[in-house]
């Protein structure tokens, strides 16, 4: 994995309401030198506000290079976040990885129909979960080549 965080593209938007999962994910990303690149949204409403909300020009943020999205969220669920994200020309190119406890076939099918890039059911065991997060961080921040998009 690259050691210099400055050469890594964008940031990771983590949309997760479980504090234990957030803590583990941030811990693993810290170990991988990615923790300074993570923004946490605790529900679907916060995620949409982060992506589409009004921001003063001096605080303009870059679009995340990847979104890790739980489906079972308060306020606005992950499927609706995904629907709105993929319907907008400015955000539909952002890769989305569903990282959820749901292995329901309808959730998997609907997520892929809406354009999700990957669907991962959270492993139950701590070590397995940590391994998945480490691999996700490595792949999306160092291996994957995102499309180049210019702000319009």
Protein backbone atom coordinates (compact mmCIF):
# COMPACT_ATOMS: atom_id res chain seq x y z
CA UNK A 1 0.00 0.00 0.00
CA UNK A 2 1.22 3.51 -0.69
CA UNK A 3 2.65 5.23 2.34
CA UNK A 4 2.17 8.81 1.18
CA UNK A 5 -1.43 9.83 1.77
CA UNK A 6 -0.92 12.95 -0.34
CA UNK A 7 -0.67 10.90 -3.54
CA UNK A 8 -3.96 9.11 -2.86
CA UNK A 9 -7.03 10.33 -4.70
CA UNK A 10 -9.90 12.03 -2.91
CA UNK A 11 -11.39 10.73 0.24
CA UNK A 12 -13.61 7.95 1.43
CA UNK A 13 -17.16 8.72 2.49
CA UNK A 14 -18.23 6.17 5.09
CA UNK A 15 -21.99 6.07 5.60
CA UNK A 16 -22.56 3.95 8.69
CA UNK A 17 -24.73 4.28 11.80
CA UNK A 18 -23.15 1.55 13.94
CA UNK A 19 -20.50 3.15 16.20
CA UNK A 20 -18.67 -0.17 16.66
CA UNK A 21 -18.37 -0.68 12.89
CA UNK A 22 -17.23 2.92 12.41
CA UNK A 23 -14.59 2.51 15.13
CA UNK A 24 -13.26 -0.70 13.57
CA UNK A 25 -13.23 0.73 10.04
CA UNK A 26 -11.42 3.88 11.16
CA UNK A 27 -8.93 1.81 13.16
CA UNK A 28 -8.12 -0.37 10.14
CA UNK A 29 -7.87 2.69 7.88
CA UNK A 30 -5.53 4.32 10.38
CA UNK A 31 -3.34 1.23 10.25
CA UNK A 32 -3.38 1.56 6.43
CA UNK A 33 -2.56 5.29 6.53
CA UNK A 34 -6.01 6.17 5.15
CA UNK A 35 -7.75 7.54 8.25
CA UNK A 36 -7.14 11.17 7.34
CA UNK A 37 -9.07 10.52 4.12
CA UNK A 38 -12.31 9.30 5.76
CA UNK A 39 -15.42 11.37 6.33
CA UNK A 40 -18.18 9.69 8.35
CA UNK A 41 -21.88 10.29 7.74
CA UNK A 42 -23.99 8.66 10.48
CA UNK A 43 -27.21 8.38 8.45
CA UNK A 44 -28.52 8.78 4.93
CA UNK A 45 -29.54 12.38 5.45
CA UNK A 46 -25.99 13.35 6.49
CA UNK A 47 -24.57 11.52 3.47
CA UNK A 48 -26.84 13.37 1.04
CA UNK A 49 -26.12 16.67 2.76
CA UNK A 50 -22.39 16.00 2.47
CA UNK A 51 -22.72 15.21 -1.23
CA UNK A 52 -25.34 17.77 -2.27
CA UNK A 53 -25.63 20.33 0.55
CA UNK A 54 -24.72 23.96 0.21
CA UNK A 55 -21.10 24.66 1.10
CA UNK A 56 -19.39 28.05 1.29
CA UNK A 57 -16.92 28.37 -1.60
CA UNK A 58 -13.89 28.62 0.67
CA UNK A 59 -14.77 25.22 2.13
CA UNK A 60 -15.39 23.48 -1.20
CA UNK A 61 -14.65 19.79 -0.76
CA UNK A 62 -13.71 17.27 -3.37
CA UNK A 63 -16.04 14.45 -4.23
CA UNK A 64 -15.10 11.22 -2.48
CA UNK A 65 -13.14 8.70 -4.50
CA UNK A 66 -15.34 5.94 -3.08
CA UNK A 67 -18.40 5.66 -0.85
CA UNK A 68 -18.80 2.81 1.65
CA UNK A 69 -22.55 2.63 2.17
CA UNK A 70 -24.56 0.72 4.73
CA UNK A 71 -28.14 0.00 3.63
CA UNK A 72 -29.87 -0.09 7.01
CA UNK A 73 -29.63 3.57 7.98
CA UNK A 74 -31.81 5.93 10.00
CA UNK A 75 -33.63 8.90 8.40
CA UNK A 76 -32.91 7.95 4.77
CA UNK A 77 -31.96 4.36 3.96
CA UNK A 78 -28.97 3.35 1.88
CA UNK A 79 -31.03 2.32 -1.15
CA UNK A 80 -32.49 5.83 -1.36
CA UNK A 81 -29.03 7.38 -0.93
CA UNK A 82 -27.77 5.16 -3.76
CA UNK A 83 -30.78 6.05 -5.93
CA UNK A 84 -30.19 9.81 -5.53
CA UNK A 85 -26.43 9.50 -5.94
CA UNK A 86 -26.68 7.58 -9.21
CA UNK A 87 -29.45 9.82 -10.57
CA UNK A 88 -27.29 12.95 -10.38
CA UNK A 89 -24.82 13.74 -13.18
CA UNK A 90 -22.28 15.19 -10.71
CA UNK A 91 -22.16 12.10 -8.46
CA UNK A 92 -23.20 9.07 -10.48
CA UNK A 93 -19.59 8.25 -11.43
CA UNK A 94 -18.47 7.93 -7.78
CA UNK A 95 -17.84 4.26 -6.99
CA UNK A 96 -20.11 2.89 -4.27
CA UNK A 97 -19.44 -0.20 -2.20
CA UNK A 98 -22.40 -1.43 -0.22
CA UNK A 99 -21.05 -2.70 3.09
CA UNK A 100 -24.00 -4.01 5.02
CA UNK A 101 -25.32 -6.78 7.22
CA UNK A 102 -28.12 -7.49 4.75
CA UNK A 103 -27.74 -10.57 2.59
CA UNK A 104 -31.33 -10.28 1.35
CA UNK A 105 -31.55 -11.04 -2.35
CA UNK A 106 -33.85 -8.06 -2.99
CA UNK A 107 -31.27 -5.67 -1.49
CA UNK A 108 -28.47 -7.16 -3.57
CA UNK A 109 -30.48 -7.03 -6.81
CA UNK A 110 -31.77 -3.50 -6.20
CA UNK A 111 -28.29 -2.25 -5.30
CA UNK A 112 -26.78 -3.60 -8.52
CA UNK A 113 -29.75 -2.34 -10.55
CA UNK A 114 -29.04 1.13 -9.16
CA UNK A 115 -25.37 0.94 -10.18
CA UNK A 116 -23.48 -0.14 -7.08
CA UNK A 117 -19.90 -1.22 -7.84
CA UNK A 118 -19.65 -3.90 -5.18
CA UNK A 119 -21.89 -5.49 -2.55
CA UNK A 120 -20.25 -6.89 0.56
CA UNK A 121 -22.00 -8.49 3.50
CA UNK A 122 -20.17 -7.52 6.70
CA UNK A 123 -18.36 -10.51 8.14
CA UNK A 124 -19.44 -11.43 11.66
CA UNK A 125 -15.97 -12.19 13.05
CA UNK A 126 -13.71 -9.29 13.98
CA UNK A 127 -10.61 -10.53 12.12
CA UNK A 128 -12.58 -11.25 8.95
CA UNK A 129 -14.24 -7.82 9.08
CA UNK A 130 -10.87 -6.09 9.60
CA UNK A 131 -9.40 -8.02 6.65
CA UNK A 132 -12.28 -6.98 4.36
CA UNK A 133 -11.88 -3.32 5.34
CA UNK A 134 -8.11 -3.44 4.78
CA UNK A 135 -8.60 -4.95 1.31
CA UNK A 136 -11.31 -2.40 0.45
CA UNK A 137 -9.07 0.49 1.41
CA UNK A 138 -6.18 -0.90 -0.57
CA UNK A 139 -8.21 -1.63 -3.69
CA UNK A 140 -10.20 1.61 -3.92
CA UNK A 141 -7.37 3.93 -2.94
CA UNK A 142 -4.36 2.34 -4.65
CA UNK A 143 -5.42 -0.19 -7.29
CA UNK A 144 -8.63 1.15 -8.83
CA UNK A 145 -8.33 3.80 -11.55
CA UNK A 146 -11.32 6.15 -11.22
CA UNK A 147 -12.58 8.11 -14.21
CA UNK A 148 -11.32 11.66 -14.58
CA UNK A 149 -14.13 14.16 -14.16
CA UNK A 150 -13.94 17.90 -14.34
CA UNK A 151 -16.27 20.06 -12.28
CA UNK A 152 -18.62 21.90 -14.52
